[in-house]
Amino acid sequence: MSSKSNLTVFAQELRKNMTKEERHLWYDFLKSLPLSFKRQKVIGNYIVDFYCASAGIVVELDGSQHYEDGEKARDKVRDEYLASQGIRVLRYPNNEVKQNFRAVCEDILRELGI
């Protein structure tokens, strides 16, 4: 099995097992927008949380592990790769989704221009 197909299988598993915050953002906001978002989308060698191809935007929800030094460096490399593909990355901490959902949604709408 190639690494691309491994990523696809893993992305399918992630879609089935979304975090509480991912489910909240997906079912209570992103799914109803007029622009189409894909969940757990494979782009290059990465799986992104939510991807809107028409806007060229990725929405990432970050748990606490993303704030550790090694993860921050990996996220930086990943974000640079996505930027090289013409994709902007919007990152929101999980606790922001929990505590300030409306502000997260308003920020995403602003970034999408809708």
PDB file of N, CA and C in Angstrom:
ATOM      1  N   MET A   1       0.839  -1.175   0.000  1.00  0.00           N
ATOM      2  CA  MET A   1       0.000   0.000   0.000  1.00  0.00           C
ATOM      3  C   MET A   1       0.890   1.247   0.000  1.00  0.00           C
ATOM      4  N   SER A   2       0.610   2.200  -0.866  1.00  0.00           N
ATOM      5  CA  SER A   2       1.427   3.413  -0.929  1.00  0.00           C
ATOM      6  C   SER A   2       1.112   4.315   0.249  1.00  0.00           C
ATOM      7  N   SER A   3       2.009   5.286   0.507  1.00  0.00           N
ATOM      8  CA  SER A   3       1.779   6.175   1.639  1.00  0.00           C
ATOM      9  C   SER A   3       0.551   7.051   1.397  1.00  0.00           C
ATOM     10  N   LYS A   4       0.262   7.374   0.122  1.00  0.00           N
ATOM     11  CA  LYS A   4      -0.944   8.157  -0.193  1.00  0.00           C
ATOM     12  C   LYS A   4      -2.195   7.379   0.204  1.00  0.00           C
ATOM     13  N   SER A   5      -2.243   6.081  -0.124  1.00  0.00           N
ATOM     14  CA  SER A   5      -3.421   5.305   0.252  1.00  0.00           C
ATOM     15  C   SER A   5      -3.476   5.088   1.762  1.00  0.00           C
ATOM     16  N   ASN A   6      -2.314   4.985   2.426  1.00  0.00           N
ATOM     17  CA  ASN A   6      -2.295   4.911   3.885  1.00  0.00           C
ATOM     18  C   ASN A   6      -2.901   6.174   4.483  1.00  0.00           C
ATOM     19  N   LEU A   7      -2.528   7.323   3.932  1.00  0.00           N
ATOM     20  CA  LEU A   7      -3.085   8.594   4.414  1.00  0.00           C
ATOM     21  C   LEU A   7      -4.590   8.641   4.201  1.00  0.00           C
ATOM     22  N   THR A   8      -5.046   8.157   3.064  1.00  0.00           N
ATOM     23  CA  THR A   8      -6.482   8.156   2.768  1.00  0.00           C
ATOM     24  C   THR A   8      -7.237   7.295   3.771  1.00  0.00           C
ATOM     25  N   VAL A   9      -6.700   6.121   4.082  1.00  0.00           N
ATOM     26  CA  VAL A   9      -7.337   5.237   5.062  1.00  0.00           C
ATOM     27  C   VAL A   9      -7.348   5.909   6.435  1.00  0.00           C
ATOM     28  N   PHE A  10      -6.243   6.529   6.808  1.00  0.00           N
ATOM     29  CA  PHE A  10      -6.167   7.210   8.096  1.00  0.00           C
ATOM     30  C   PHE A  10      -7.145   8.388   8.135  1.00  0.00           C
ATOM     31  N   ALA A  11      -7.256   9.130   7.035  1.00  0.00           N
ATOM     32  CA  ALA A  11      -8.192  10.257   6.972  1.00  0.00           C
ATOM     33  C   ALA A  11      -9.629   9.769   7.162  1.00  0.00           C
ATOM     34  N   GLN A  12      -9.955   8.630   6.571  1.00  0.00           N
ATOM     35  CA  GLN A  12     -11.299   8.061   6.739  1.00  0.00           C
ATOM     36  C   GLN A  12     -11.561   7.729   8.208  1.00  0.00           C
ATOM     37  N   GLU A  13     -10.560   7.180   8.881  1.00  0.00           N
ATOM     38  CA  GLU A  13     -10.695   6.875  10.308  1.00  0.00           C
ATOM     39  C   GLU A  13     -10.883   8.155  11.117  1.00  0.00           C
ATOM     40  N   LEU A  14     -10.125   9.184  10.774  1.00  0.00           N
ATOM     41  CA  LEU A  14     -10.256  10.459  11.488  1.00  0.00           C
ATOM     42  C   LEU A  14     -11.646  11.065  11.290  1.00  0.00           C
ATOM     43  N   ARG A  15     -12.210  10.914  10.091  1.00  0.00           N
ATOM     44  CA  ARG A  15     -13.574  11.409   9.844  1.00  0.00           C
ATOM     45  C   ARG A  15     -14.582  10.690  10.735  1.00  0.00           C
ATOM     46  N   LYS A  16     -14.370   9.385  10.911  1.00  0.00           N
ATOM     47  CA  LYS A  16     -15.290   8.609  11.756  1.00  0.00           C
ATOM     48  C   LYS A  16     -15.131   8.948  13.233  1.00  0.00           C
ATOM     49  N   ASN A  17     -13.953   9.404  13.614  1.00  0.00           N
ATOM     50  CA  ASN A  17     -13.637   9.621  15.031  1.00  0.00           C
ATOM     51  C   ASN A  17     -13.232  11.072  15.302  1.00  0.00           C
ATOM     52  N   MET A  18     -14.027  12.012  14.814  1.00  0.00           N
ATOM     53  CA  MET A  18     -13.705  13.420  15.019  1.00  0.00           C
ATOM     54  C   MET A  18     -13.718  13.757  16.508  1.00  0.00           C
ATOM     55  N   THR A  19     -12.912  14.746  16.872  1.00  0.00           N
ATOM     56  CA  THR A  19     -12.932  15.233  18.247  1.00  0.00           C
ATOM     57  C   THR A  19     -14.249  15.963  18.499  1.00  0.00           C
ATOM     58  N   LYS A  20     -14.558  16.193  19.763  1.00  0.00           N
ATOM     59  CA  LYS A  20     -15.767  16.936  20.134  1.00  0.00           C
ATOM     60  C   LYS A  20     -15.781  18.308  19.460  1.00  0.00           C
ATOM     61  N   GLU A  21     -14.639  18.969  19.459  1.00  0.00           N
ATOM     62  CA  GLU A  21     -14.541  20.305  18.877  1.00  0.00           C
ATOM     63  C   GLU A  21     -14.720  20.268  17.358  1.00  0.00           C
ATOM     64  N   GLU A  22     -14.132  19.256  16.708  1.00  0.00           N
ATOM     65  CA  GLU A  22     -14.307  19.112  15.257  1.00  0.00           C
ATOM     66  C   GLU A  22     -15.778  18.850  14.920  1.00  0.00           C
ATOM     67  N   ARG A  23     -16.428  17.973  15.677  1.00  0.00           N
ATOM     68  CA  ARG A  23     -17.852  17.700  15.438  1.00  0.00           C
ATOM     69  C   ARG A  23     -18.684  18.964  15.607  1.00  0.00           C
ATOM     70  N   HIS A  24     -18.414  19.719  16.655  1.00  0.00           N
ATOM     71  CA  HIS A  24     -19.149  20.954  16.924  1.00  0.00           C
ATOM     72  C   HIS A  24     -18.986  21.928  15.754  1.00  0.00           C
ATOM     73  N   LEU A  25     -17.751  22.174  15.329  1.00  0.00           N
ATOM     74  CA  LEU A  25     -17.519  23.120  14.239  1.00  0.00           C
ATOM     75  C   LEU A  25     -18.139  22.620  12.936  1.00  0.00           C
ATOM     76  N   TRP A  26     -18.031  21.321  12.666  1.00  0.00           N
ATOM     77  CA  TRP A  26     -18.569  20.752  11.427  1.00  0.00           C
ATOM     78  C   TRP A  26     -20.098  20.801  11.400  1.00  0.00           C
ATOM     79  N   TYR A  27     -20.722  20.178  12.380  1.00  0.00           N
ATOM     80  CA  TYR A  27     -22.176  20.031  12.347  1.00  0.00           C
ATOM     81  C   TYR A  27     -22.925  21.320  12.681  1.00  0.00           C
ATOM     82  N   ASP A  28     -22.322  22.184  13.473  1.00  0.00           N
ATOM     83  CA  ASP A  28     -23.019  23.395  13.904  1.00  0.00           C
ATOM     84  C   ASP A  28     -22.620  24.637  13.119  1.00  0.00           C
ATOM     85  N   PHE A  29     -21.709  24.488  12.125  1.00  0.00           N
ATOM     86  CA  PHE A  29     -21.295  25.668  11.378  1.00  0.00           C
ATOM     87  C   PHE A  29     -20.847  25.361   9.945  1.00  0.00           C
ATOM     88  N   LEU A  30     -19.706  24.695   9.785  1.00  0.00           N
ATOM     89  CA  LEU A  30     -19.102  24.550   8.452  1.00  0.00           C
ATOM     90  C   LEU A  30     -20.009  23.832   7.458  1.00  0.00           C
ATOM     91  N   LYS A  31     -20.701  22.809   7.909  1.00  0.00           N
ATOM     92  CA  LYS A  31     -21.519  21.986   7.012  1.00  0.00           C
ATOM     93  C   LYS A  31     -22.640  22.793   6.347  1.00  0.00           C
ATOM     94  N   SER A  32     -23.100  23.850   7.017  1.00  0.00           N
ATOM     95  CA  SER A  32     -24.229  24.628   6.493  1.00  0.00           C
ATOM     96  C   SER A  32     -23.801  25.851   5.681  1.00  0.00           C
ATOM     97  N   LEU A  33     -22.512  26.085   5.535  1.00  0.00           N
ATOM     98  CA  LEU A  33     -22.057  27.247   4.762  1.00  0.00           C
ATOM     99  C   LEU A  33     -22.323  27.054   3.269  1.00  0.00           C
ATOM    100  N   PRO A  34     -22.440  28.158   2.527  1.00  0.00           N
ATOM    101  CA  PRO A  34     -22.657  28.051   1.080  1.00  0.00           C
ATOM    102  C   PRO A  34     -21.421  27.560   0.322  1.00  0.00           C
ATOM    103  N   LEU A  35     -20.253  27.611   0.953  1.00  0.00           N
ATOM    104  CA  LEU A  35     -19.029  27.073   0.349  1.00  0.00           C
ATOM    105  C   LEU A  35     -18.822  25.649   0.863  1.00  0.00           C
ATOM    106  N   SER A  36     -18.326  24.786   0.001  1.00  0.00           N
ATOM    107  CA  SER A  36     -18.163  23.378   0.352  1.00  0.00           C
ATOM    108  C   SER A  36     -16.844  23.136   1.083  1.00  0.00           C
ATOM    109  N   PHE A  37     -16.932  22.489   2.233  1.00  0.00           N
ATOM    110  CA  PHE A  37     -15.757  22.073   2.994  1.00  0.00           C
ATOM    111  C   PHE A  37     -15.668  20.556   2.976  1.00  0.00           C
ATOM    112  N   LYS A  38     -14.447  20.045   2.962  1.00  0.00           N
ATOM    113  CA  LYS A  38     -14.181  18.610   3.104  1.00  0.00           C
ATOM    114  C   LYS A  38     -13.548  18.392   4.466  1.00  0.00           C
ATOM    115  N   ARG A  39     -13.924  17.281   5.119  1.00  0.00           N
ATOM    116  CA  ARG A  39     -13.340  16.928   6.413  1.00  0.00           C
ATOM    117  C   ARG A  39     -12.166  15.992   6.210  1.00  0.00           C
ATOM    118  N   GLN A  40     -11.128  16.182   7.029  1.00  0.00           N
ATOM    119  CA  GLN A  40      -9.967  15.292   7.036  1.00  0.00           C
ATOM    120  C   GLN A  40      -9.495  15.000   5.613  1.00  0.00           C
ATOM    121  N   LYS A  41      -9.126  16.041   4.915  1.00  0.00           N
ATOM    122  CA  LYS A  41      -8.731  15.977   3.503  1.00  0.00           C
ATOM    123  C   LYS A  41      -7.218  15.766   3.376  1.00  0.00           C
ATOM    124  N   VAL A  42      -6.829  14.832   2.525  1.00  0.00           N
ATOM    125  CA  VAL A  42      -5.413  14.607   2.242  1.00  0.00           C
ATOM    126  C   VAL A  42      -4.952  15.650   1.225  1.00  0.00           C
ATOM    127  N   ILE A  43      -3.917  16.394   1.608  1.00  0.00           N
ATOM    128  CA  ILE A  43      -3.282  17.358   0.702  1.00  0.00           C
ATOM    129  C   ILE A  43      -1.788  17.097   0.786  1.00  0.00           C
ATOM    130  N   GLY A  44      -1.210  16.638  -0.316  1.00  0.00           N
ATOM    131  CA  GLY A  44       0.206  16.257  -0.294  1.00  0.00           C
ATOM    132  C   GLY A  44       0.404  15.121   0.687  1.00  0.00           C
ATOM    133  N   ASN A  45       1.343  15.300   1.612  1.00  0.00           N
ATOM    134  CA  ASN A  45       1.614  14.278   2.629  1.00  0.00           C
ATOM    135  C   ASN A  45       0.939  14.594   3.959  1.00  0.00           C
ATOM    136  N   TYR A  46      -0.080  15.416   3.918  1.00  0.00           N
ATOM    137  CA  TYR A  46      -0.726  15.870   5.154  1.00  0.00           C
ATOM    138  C   TYR A  46      -2.229  15.607   5.110  1.00  0.00           C
ATOM    139  N   ILE A  47      -2.816  15.499   6.294  1.00  0.00           N
ATOM    140  CA  ILE A  47      -4.265  15.442   6.436  1.00  0.00           C
ATOM    141  C   ILE A  47      -4.664  16.710   7.176  1.00  0.00           C
ATOM    142  N   VAL A  48      -5.527  17.504   6.556  1.00  0.00           N
ATOM    143  CA  VAL A  48      -5.987  18.741   7.189  1.00  0.00           C
ATOM    144  C   VAL A  48      -7.373  18.509   7.779  1.00  0.00           C
ATOM    145  N   ASP A  49      -7.715  19.258   8.818  1.00  0.00           N
ATOM    146  CA  ASP A  49      -9.005  19.062   9.484  1.00  0.00           C
ATOM    147  C   ASP A  49     -10.168  19.384   8.551  1.00  0.00           C
ATOM    148  N   PHE A  50     -10.179  20.609   8.001  1.00  0.00           N
ATOM    149  CA  PHE A  50     -11.256  21.044   7.109  1.00  0.00           C
ATOM    150  C   PHE A  50     -10.650  21.836   5.964  1.00  0.00           C
ATOM    151  N   TYR A  51     -11.114  21.576   4.740  1.00  0.00           N
ATOM    152  CA  TYR A  51     -10.544  22.229   3.554  1.00  0.00           C
ATOM    153  C   TYR A  51     -11.656  22.748   2.654  1.00  0.00           C
ATOM    154  N   CYS A  52     -11.544  24.010   2.290  1.00  0.00           N
ATOM    155  CA  CYS A  52     -12.448  24.627   1.330  1.00  0.00           C
ATOM    156  C   CYS A  52     -11.630  24.958   0.083  1.00  0.00           C
ATOM    157  N   ALA A  53     -11.754  24.128  -0.950  1.00  0.00           N
ATOM    158  CA  ALA A  53     -10.956  24.293  -2.166  1.00  0.00           C
ATOM    159  C   ALA A  53     -11.273  25.612  -2.871  1.00  0.00           C
ATOM    160  N   SER A  54     -12.552  25.987  -2.929  1.00  0.00           N
ATOM    161  CA  SER A  54     -12.918  27.195  -3.673  1.00  0.00           C
ATOM    162  C   SER A  54     -12.338  28.451  -3.039  1.00  0.00           C
ATOM    163  N   ALA A  55     -12.127  28.445  -1.736  1.00  0.00           N
ATOM    164  CA  ALA A  55     -11.547  29.605  -1.052  1.00  0.00           C
ATOM    165  C   ALA A  55     -10.050  29.437  -0.811  1.00  0.00           C
ATOM    166  N   GLY A  56      -9.539  28.227  -1.019  1.00  0.00           N
ATOM    167  CA  GLY A  56      -8.119  27.968  -0.751  1.00  0.00           C
ATOM    168  C   GLY A  56      -7.786  28.134   0.719  1.00  0.00           C
ATOM    169  N   ILE A  57      -8.680  27.624   1.583  1.00  0.00           N
ATOM    170  CA  ILE A  57      -8.499  27.786   3.027  1.00  0.00           C
ATOM    171  C   ILE A  57      -8.613  26.437   3.730  1.00  0.00           C
ATOM    172  N   VAL A  58      -7.719  26.243   4.687  1.00  0.00           N
ATOM    173  CA  VAL A  58      -7.749  25.103   5.592  1.00  0.00           C
ATOM    174  C   VAL A  58      -8.073  25.650   6.980  1.00  0.00           C
ATOM    175  N   VAL A  59      -8.964  24.963   7.687  1.00  0.00           N
ATOM    176  CA  VAL A  59      -9.259  25.290   9.081  1.00  0.00           C
ATOM    177  C   VAL A  59      -8.721  24.149   9.932  1.00  0.00           C
ATOM    178  N   GLU A  60      -7.830  24.497  10.847  1.00  0.00           N
ATOM    179  CA  GLU A  60      -7.229  23.516  11.752  1.00  0.00           C
ATOM    180  C   GLU A  60      -7.643  23.815  13.173  1.00  0.00           C
ATOM    181  N   LEU A  61      -8.052  22.784  13.902  1.00  0.00           N
ATOM    182  CA  LEU A  61      -8.334  22.902  15.325  1.00  0.00           C
ATOM    183  C   LEU A  61      -7.190  22.239  16.073  1.00  0.00           C
ATOM    184  N   ASP A  62      -6.563  23.002  16.947  1.00  0.00           N
ATOM    185  CA  ASP A  62      -5.354  22.536  17.610  1.00  0.00           C
ATOM    186  C   ASP A  62      -5.596  22.191  19.072  1.00  0.00           C
ATOM    187  N   GLY A  63      -5.285  20.936  19.419  1.00  0.00           N
ATOM    188  CA  GLY A  63      -5.274  20.517  20.810  1.00  0.00           C
ATOM    189  C   GLY A  63      -3.976  20.958  21.469  1.00  0.00           C
ATOM    190  N   SER A  64      -3.846  20.694  22.739  1.00  0.00           N
ATOM    191  CA  SER A  64      -2.687  21.170  23.509  1.00  0.00           C
ATOM    192  C   SER A  64      -1.355  20.652  22.957  1.00  0.00           C
ATOM    193  N   GLN A  65      -1.345  19.481  22.331  1.00  0.00           N
ATOM    194  CA  GLN A  65      -0.088  18.928  21.811  1.00  0.00           C
ATOM    195  C   GLN A  65       0.526  19.830  20.733  1.00  0.00           C
ATOM    196  N   HIS A  66      -0.286  20.648  20.069  1.00  0.00           N
ATOM    197  CA  HIS A  66       0.228  21.527  19.015  1.00  0.00           C
ATOM    198  C   HIS A  66       1.073  22.668  19.567  1.00  0.00           C
ATOM    199  N   TYR A  67       1.080  22.849  20.869  1.00  0.00           N
ATOM    200  CA  TYR A  67       1.834  23.951  21.475  1.00  0.00           C
ATOM    201  C   TYR A  67       3.150  23.491  22.080  1.00  0.00           C
ATOM    202  N   GLU A  68       3.479  22.222  21.904  1.00  0.00           N
ATOM    203  CA  GLU A  68       4.782  21.708  22.311  1.00  0.00           C
ATOM    204  C   GLU A  68       5.778  22.017  21.199  1.00  0.00           C
ATOM    205  N   ASP A  69       7.051  22.205  21.571  1.00  0.00           N
ATOM    206  CA  ASP A  69       8.060  22.665  20.611  1.00  0.00           C
ATOM    207  C   ASP A  69       8.131  21.826  19.348  1.00  0.00           C
ATOM    208  N   GLY A  70       8.194  20.502  19.469  1.00  0.00           N
ATOM    209  CA  GLY A  70       8.300  19.635  18.297  1.00  0.00           C
ATOM    210  C   GLY A  70       7.097  19.775  17.382  1.00  0.00           C
ATOM    211  N   GLU A  71       5.919  19.840  17.964  1.00  0.00           N
ATOM    212  CA  GLU A  71       4.690  19.976  17.170  1.00  0.00           C
ATOM    213  C   GLU A  71       4.619  21.345  16.506  1.00  0.00           C
ATOM    214  N   LYS A  72       5.032  22.387  17.215  1.00  0.00           N
ATOM    215  CA  LYS A  72       5.012  23.729  16.617  1.00  0.00           C
ATOM    216  C   LYS A  72       5.902  23.764  15.374  1.00  0.00           C
ATOM    217  N   ALA A  73       7.051  23.112  15.446  1.00  0.00           N
ATOM    218  CA  ALA A  73       7.965  23.075  14.302  1.00  0.00           C
ATOM    219  C   ALA A  73       7.350  22.287  13.151  1.00  0.00           C
ATOM    220  N   ARG A  74       6.711  21.151  13.457  1.00  0.00           N
ATOM    221  CA  ARG A  74       6.067  20.355  12.401  1.00  0.00           C
ATOM    222  C   ARG A  74       4.899  21.134  11.770  1.00  0.00           C
ATOM    223  N   ASP A  75       4.120  21.826  12.609  1.00  0.00           N
ATOM    224  CA  ASP A  75       3.014  22.633  12.080  1.00  0.00           C
ATOM    225  C   ASP A  75       3.532  23.740  11.168  1.00  0.00           C
ATOM    226  N   LYS A  76       4.668  24.324  11.531  1.00  0.00           N
ATOM    227  CA  LYS A  76       5.247  25.398  10.707  1.00  0.00           C
ATOM    228  C   LYS A  76       5.625  24.860   9.324  1.00  0.00           C
ATOM    229  N   VAL A  77       6.282  23.710   9.284  1.00  0.00           N
ATOM    230  CA  VAL A  77       6.669  23.096   8.007  1.00  0.00           C
ATOM    231  C   VAL A  77       5.415  22.774   7.184  1.00  0.00           C
ATOM    232  N   ARG A  78       4.427  22.218   7.841  1.00  0.00           N
ATOM    233  CA  ARG A  78       3.168  21.860   7.184  1.00  0.00           C
ATOM    234  C   ARG A  78       2.478  23.107   6.627  1.00  0.00           C
ATOM    235  N   ASP A  79       2.398  24.169   7.443  1.00  0.00           N
ATOM    236  CA  ASP A  79       1.760  25.410   7.003  1.00  0.00           C
ATOM    237  C   ASP A  79       2.512  26.032   5.826  1.00  0.00           C
ATOM    238  N   GLU A  80       3.836  25.942   5.846  1.00  0.00           N
ATOM    239  CA  GLU A  80       4.639  26.468   4.727  1.00  0.00           C
ATOM    240  C   GLU A  80       4.365  25.668   3.457  1.00  0.00           C
ATOM    241  N   TYR A  81       4.253  24.349   3.579  1.00  0.00           N
ATOM    242  CA  TYR A  81       3.926  23.530   2.412  1.00  0.00           C
ATOM    243  C   TYR A  81       2.563  23.935   1.856  1.00  0.00           C
ATOM    244  N   LEU A  82       1.564  24.040   2.724  1.00  0.00           N
ATOM    245  CA  LEU A  82       0.223  24.409   2.269  1.00  0.00           C
ATOM    246  C   LEU A  82       0.231  25.791   1.618  1.00  0.00           C
ATOM    247  N   ALA A  83       0.974  26.728   2.202  1.00  0.00           N
ATOM    248  CA  ALA A  83       1.089  28.066   1.608  1.00  0.00           C
ATOM    249  C   ALA A  83       1.703  27.988   0.216  1.00  0.00           C
ATOM    250  N   SER A  84       2.674  27.087   0.035  1.00  0.00           N
ATOM    251  CA  SER A  84       3.307  26.931  -1.283  1.00  0.00           C
ATOM    252  C   SER A  84       2.318  26.382  -2.312  1.00  0.00           C
ATOM    253  N   GLN A  85       1.223  25.781  -1.826  1.00  0.00           N
ATOM    254  CA  GLN A  85       0.168  25.266  -2.704  1.00  0.00           C
ATOM    255  C   GLN A  85      -0.959  26.289  -2.870  1.00  0.00           C
ATOM    256  N   GLY A  86      -0.751  27.497  -2.331  1.00  0.00           N
ATOM    257  CA  GLY A  86      -1.753  28.550  -2.433  1.00  0.00           C
ATOM    258  C   GLY A  86      -2.885  28.420  -1.432  1.00  0.00           C
ATOM    259  N   ILE A  87      -2.623  27.726  -0.328  1.00  0.00           N
ATOM    260  CA  ILE A  87      -3.651  27.472   0.679  1.00  0.00           C
ATOM    261  C   ILE A  87      -3.308  28.236   1.963  1.00  0.00           C
ATOM    262  N   ARG A  88      -4.285  28.999   2.463  1.00  0.00           N
ATOM    263  CA  ARG A  88      -4.132  29.700   3.740  1.00  0.00           C
ATOM    264  C   ARG A  88      -4.626  28.799   4.855  1.00  0.00           C
ATOM    265  N   VAL A  89      -3.918  28.799   5.973  1.00  0.00           N
ATOM    266  CA  VAL A  89      -4.278  27.973   7.118  1.00  0.00           C
ATOM    267  C   VAL A  89      -4.793  28.870   8.240  1.00  0.00           C
ATOM    268  N   LEU A  90      -6.006  28.567   8.696  1.00  0.00           N
ATOM    269  CA  LEU A  90      -6.581  29.244   9.853  1.00  0.00           C
ATOM    270  C   LEU A  90      -6.525  28.270  11.014  1.00  0.00           C
ATOM    271  N   ARG A  91      -5.860  28.657  12.095  1.00  0.00           N
ATOM    272  CA  ARG A  91      -5.697  27.774  13.255  1.00  0.00           C
ATOM    273  C   ARG A  91      -6.459  28.329  14.452  1.00  0.00           C
ATOM    274  N   TYR A  92      -7.184  27.432  15.112  1.00  0.00           N
ATOM    275  CA  TYR A  92      -7.938  27.802  16.306  1.00  0.00           C
ATOM    276  C   TYR A  92      -7.687  26.756  17.382  1.00  0.00           C
ATOM    277  N   PRO A  93      -7.346  27.194  18.589  1.00  0.00           N
ATOM    278  CA  PRO A  93      -7.185  26.238  19.687  1.00  0.00           C
ATOM    279  C   PRO A  93      -8.534  25.609  20.042  1.00  0.00           C
ATOM    280  N   ASN A  94      -8.513  24.351  20.428  1.00  0.00           N
ATOM    281  CA  ASN A  94      -9.747  23.663  20.829  1.00  0.00           C
ATOM    282  C   ASN A  94     -10.505  24.439  21.905  1.00  0.00           C
ATOM    283  N   ASN A  95      -9.770  25.025  22.854  1.00  0.00           N
ATOM    284  CA  ASN A  95     -10.460  25.731  23.934  1.00  0.00           C
ATOM    285  C   ASN A  95     -11.196  26.967  23.419  1.00  0.00           C
ATOM    286  N   GLU A  96     -10.749  27.559  22.305  1.00  0.00           N
ATOM    287  CA  GLU A  96     -11.486  28.680  21.706  1.00  0.00           C
ATOM    288  C   GLU A  96     -12.808  28.203  21.122  1.00  0.00           C
ATOM    289  N   VAL A  97     -12.794  27.017  20.506  1.00  0.00           N
ATOM    290  CA  VAL A  97     -14.023  26.454  19.950  1.00  0.00           C
ATOM    291  C   VAL A  97     -15.007  26.186  21.093  1.00  0.00           C
ATOM    292  N   LYS A  98     -14.503  25.697  22.220  1.00  0.00           N
ATOM    293  CA  LYS A  98     -15.361  25.399  23.376  1.00  0.00           C
ATOM    294  C   LYS A  98     -15.889  26.680  24.027  1.00  0.00           C
ATOM    295  N   GLN A  99     -14.996  27.649  24.217  1.00  0.00           N
ATOM    296  CA  GLN A  99     -15.339  28.807  25.041  1.00  0.00           C
ATOM    297  C   GLN A  99     -15.843  30.006  24.250  1.00  0.00           C
ATOM    298  N   ASN A 100     -15.491  30.092  22.961  1.00  0.00           N
ATOM    299  CA  ASN A 100     -15.847  31.280  22.189  1.00  0.00           C
ATOM    300  C   ASN A 100     -16.211  30.888  20.758  1.00  0.00           C
ATOM    301  N   PHE A 101     -17.140  29.936  20.639  1.00  0.00           N
ATOM    302  CA  PHE A 101     -17.517  29.366  19.350  1.00  0.00           C
ATOM    303  C   PHE A 101     -17.945  30.441  18.354  1.00  0.00           C
ATOM    304  N   ARG A 102     -18.756  31.376  18.805  1.00  0.00           N
ATOM    305  CA  ARG A 102     -19.265  32.421  17.910  1.00  0.00           C
ATOM    306  C   ARG A 102     -18.127  33.242  17.298  1.00  0.00           C
ATOM    307  N   ALA A 103     -17.146  33.599  18.101  1.00  0.00           N
ATOM    308  CA  ALA A 103     -16.017  34.383  17.597  1.00  0.00           C
ATOM    309  C   ALA A 103     -15.207  33.596  16.566  1.00  0.00           C
ATOM    310  N   VAL A 104     -15.028  32.304  16.803  1.00  0.00           N
ATOM    311  CA  VAL A 104     -14.324  31.447  15.834  1.00  0.00           C
ATOM    312  C   VAL A 104     -15.091  31.443  14.514  1.00  0.00           C
ATOM    313  N   CYS A 105     -16.404  31.252  14.582  1.00  0.00           N
ATOM    314  CA  CYS A 105     -17.235  31.221  13.377  1.00  0.00           C
ATOM    315  C   CYS A 105     -17.186  32.561  12.647  1.00  0.00           C
ATOM    316  N   GLU A 106     -17.270  33.649  13.389  1.00  0.00           N
ATOM    317  CA  GLU A 106     -17.207  34.985  12.772  1.00  0.00           C
ATOM    318  C   GLU A 106     -15.866  35.206  12.094  1.00  0.00           C
ATOM    319  N   ASP A 107     -14.794  34.736  12.706  1.00  0.00           N
ATOM    320  CA  ASP A 107     -13.476  34.890  12.100  1.00  0.00           C
ATOM    321  C   ASP A 107     -13.383  34.089  10.798  1.00  0.00           C
ATOM    322  N   ILE A 108     -13.897  32.868  10.801  1.00  0.00           N
ATOM    323  CA  ILE A 108     -13.880  32.042   9.592  1.00  0.00           C
ATOM    324  C   ILE A 108     -14.688  32.728   8.495  1.00  0.00           C
ATOM    325  N   LEU A 109     -15.870  33.241   8.828  1.00  0.00           N
ATOM    326  CA  LEU A 109     -16.689  33.954   7.826  1.00  0.00           C
ATOM    327  C   LEU A 109     -15.934  35.149   7.252  1.00  0.00           C
ATOM    328  N   ARG A 110     -15.256  35.885   8.116  1.00  0.00           N
ATOM    329  CA  ARG A 110     -14.482  37.044   7.667  1.00  0.00           C
ATOM    330  C   ARG A 110     -13.383  36.605   6.699  1.00  0.00           C
ATOM    331  N   GLU A 111     -12.686  35.539   7.051  1.00  0.00           N
ATOM    332  CA  GLU A 111     -11.600  35.031   6.189  1.00  0.00           C
ATOM    333  C   GLU A 111     -12.135  34.509   4.863  1.00  0.00           C
ATOM    334  N   LEU A 112     -13.327  33.938   4.878  1.00  0.00           N
ATOM    335  CA  LEU A 112     -13.944  33.435   3.643  1.00  0.00           C
ATOM    336  C   LEU A 112     -14.563  34.566   2.796  1.00  0.00           C
ATOM    337  N   GLY A 113     -14.733  35.725   3.418  1.00  0.00           N
ATOM    338  CA  GLY A 113     -15.339  36.854   2.706  1.00  0.00           C
ATOM    339  C   GLY A 113     -16.840  36.699   2.519  1.00  0.00           C
ATOM    340  N   ILE A 114     -17.488  36.016   3.478  1.00  0.00           N
ATOM    341  CA  ILE A 114     -18.963  35.865   3.396  1.00  0.00           C
ATOM    342  C   ILE A 114     -19.609  36.280   4.704  1.00  0.00           C
TER     343      ILE A 114
END
